[in-house]
Amino acid sequence: MEREKLKTILLNHYSKDSVKSIFCGRMKPSIEKRIVLNNEFNIPILAWEDIKSYLSDNLSSIEDKNQLPKEN
């Protein structure tokens, strides 16, 4: 999932300041909210333990899929 898409989703549930706090790691969604986000948007519950790594890993896998194989 891309950062901007996640930001849009979070802004439907949290204030702008809270979303910033979530992205920098100062705040984490409650377990109840994590379950809702998992059910609605397929965001793993444990992703919130380190959201920066989740976004980074997820973005890397998307970029890998978008690269075309080199032709010989």
C-alpha atoms as a PDB file:
ATOM      1  CA  MET A   1       0.000   0.000   0.000  1.00  0.00           C
ATOM      2  CA  GLU A   2       1.273   3.437  -0.833  1.00  0.00           C
ATOM      3  CA  ARG A   3       1.756   6.055   1.862  1.00  0.00           C
ATOM      4  CA  GLU A   4      -0.737   8.495   0.310  1.00  0.00           C
ATOM      5  CA  LYS A   5      -3.458   5.854   0.090  1.00  0.00           C
ATOM      6  CA  LEU A   6      -2.906   4.887   3.728  1.00  0.00           C
ATOM      7  CA  LYS A   7      -2.933   8.560   4.709  1.00  0.00           C
ATOM      8  CA  THR A   8      -6.313   9.030   3.003  1.00  0.00           C
ATOM      9  CA  ILE A   9      -7.722   5.997   4.823  1.00  0.00           C
ATOM     10  CA  LEU A  10      -6.425   7.192   8.190  1.00  0.00           C
ATOM     11  CA  LEU A  11      -7.812  10.702   7.689  1.00  0.00           C
ATOM     12  CA  ASN A  12     -11.285   9.135   7.596  1.00  0.00           C
ATOM     13  CA  HIS A  13     -10.689   7.848  11.129  1.00  0.00           C
ATOM     14  CA  TYR A  14      -8.249  10.309  12.733  1.00  0.00           C
ATOM     15  CA  SER A  15      -7.359  13.992  12.812  1.00  0.00           C
ATOM     16  CA  LYS A  16      -4.491  15.281  10.671  1.00  0.00           C
ATOM     17  CA  ASP A  17      -2.206  15.581  13.718  1.00  0.00           C
ATOM     18  CA  SER A  18      -2.993  12.019  14.789  1.00  0.00           C
ATOM     19  CA  VAL A  19      -2.176  10.712  11.309  1.00  0.00           C
ATOM     20  CA  LYS A  20       1.195  12.478  11.457  1.00  0.00           C
ATOM     21  CA  SER A  21       1.831  10.893  14.866  1.00  0.00           C
ATOM     22  CA  ILE A  22       0.968   7.456  13.503  1.00  0.00           C
ATOM     23  CA  PHE A  23       3.344   7.836  10.563  1.00  0.00           C
ATOM     24  CA  CYS A  24       6.243   8.948  12.745  1.00  0.00           C
ATOM     25  CA  GLY A  25       5.600   6.173  15.292  1.00  0.00           C
ATOM     26  CA  ARG A  26       4.518   8.263  18.296  1.00  0.00           C
ATOM     27  CA  MET A  27       1.000   6.850  18.162  1.00  0.00           C
ATOM     28  CA  LYS A  28      -0.531   3.532  17.094  1.00  0.00           C
ATOM     29  CA  PRO A  29      -4.156   2.687  16.323  1.00  0.00           C
ATOM     30  CA  SER A  30      -6.058   0.840  19.034  1.00  0.00           C
ATOM     31  CA  ILE A  31      -6.544  -2.901  18.579  1.00  0.00           C
ATOM     32  CA  GLU A  32     -10.198  -2.254  17.734  1.00  0.00           C
ATOM     33  CA  LYS A  33      -9.228   0.209  14.994  1.00  0.00           C
ATOM     34  CA  ARG A  34      -6.529  -2.168  13.718  1.00  0.00           C
ATOM     35  CA  ILE A  35      -9.151  -4.885  13.314  1.00  0.00           C
ATOM     36  CA  VAL A  36     -11.460  -2.514  11.421  1.00  0.00           C
ATOM     37  CA  LEU A  37      -8.621  -1.403   9.131  1.00  0.00           C
ATOM     38  CA  ASN A  38      -7.631  -5.027   8.565  1.00  0.00           C
ATOM     39  CA  ASN A  39     -11.174  -6.061   7.670  1.00  0.00           C
ATOM     40  CA  GLU A  40     -11.904  -3.060   5.442  1.00  0.00           C
ATOM     41  CA  PHE A  41      -8.528  -2.450   3.795  1.00  0.00           C
ATOM     42  CA  ASN A  42      -6.528  -5.648   4.403  1.00  0.00           C
ATOM     43  CA  ILE A  43      -3.851  -3.834   6.434  1.00  0.00           C
ATOM     44  CA  PRO A  44      -2.143  -6.448   8.632  1.00  0.00           C
ATOM     45  CA  ILE A  45      -2.752  -5.903  12.331  1.00  0.00           C
ATOM     46  CA  LEU A  46       0.961  -6.222  13.111  1.00  0.00           C
ATOM     47  CA  ALA A  47       1.919  -3.674  10.438  1.00  0.00           C
ATOM     48  CA  TRP A  48       1.170  -0.940  12.963  1.00  0.00           C
ATOM     49  CA  GLU A  49       4.044  -2.049  15.191  1.00  0.00           C
ATOM     50  CA  ASP A  50       6.398  -0.564  12.591  1.00  0.00           C
ATOM     51  CA  ILE A  51       4.338   1.215   9.957  1.00  0.00           C
ATOM     52  CA  LYS A  52       7.413   2.770   8.309  1.00  0.00           C
ATOM     53  CA  SER A  53       8.900  -0.654   7.574  1.00  0.00           C
ATOM     54  CA  TYR A  54       5.555  -1.985   6.380  1.00  0.00           C
ATOM     55  CA  LEU A  55       5.213   0.867   3.891  1.00  0.00           C
ATOM     56  CA  SER A  56       8.840   0.578   2.799  1.00  0.00           C
ATOM     57  CA  ASP A  57       8.669  -3.209   2.307  1.00  0.00           C
ATOM     58  CA  ASN A  58       5.331  -2.978   0.559  1.00  0.00           C
ATOM     59  CA  LEU A  59       6.513  -0.221  -1.784  1.00  0.00           C
ATOM     60  CA  SER A  60       9.664  -2.185  -2.628  1.00  0.00           C
ATOM     61  CA  SER A  61       7.629  -5.253  -3.601  1.00  0.00           C
ATOM     62  CA  ILE A  62       5.358  -3.123  -5.807  1.00  0.00           C
ATOM     63  CA  GLU A  63       8.369  -1.567  -7.533  1.00  0.00           C
ATOM     64  CA  ASP A  64       9.888  -5.022  -8.099  1.00  0.00           C
ATOM     65  CA  LYS A  65       6.679  -6.229  -9.764  1.00  0.00           C
ATOM     66  CA  ASN A  66       6.582  -3.164 -12.023  1.00  0.00           C
ATOM     67  CA  GLN A  67      10.086  -3.673 -13.378  1.00  0.00           C
ATOM     68  CA  LEU A  68      10.246  -5.394 -16.719  1.00  0.00           C
ATOM     69  CA  PRO A  69      12.677  -8.250 -17.118  1.00  0.00           C
ATOM     70  CA  LYS A  70      15.755  -7.413 -19.174  1.00  0.00           C
ATOM     71  CA  GLU A  71      15.850  -8.837 -22.659  1.00  0.00           C
ATOM     72  CA  ASN A  72      19.060 -10.449 -23.871  1.00  0.00           C
END
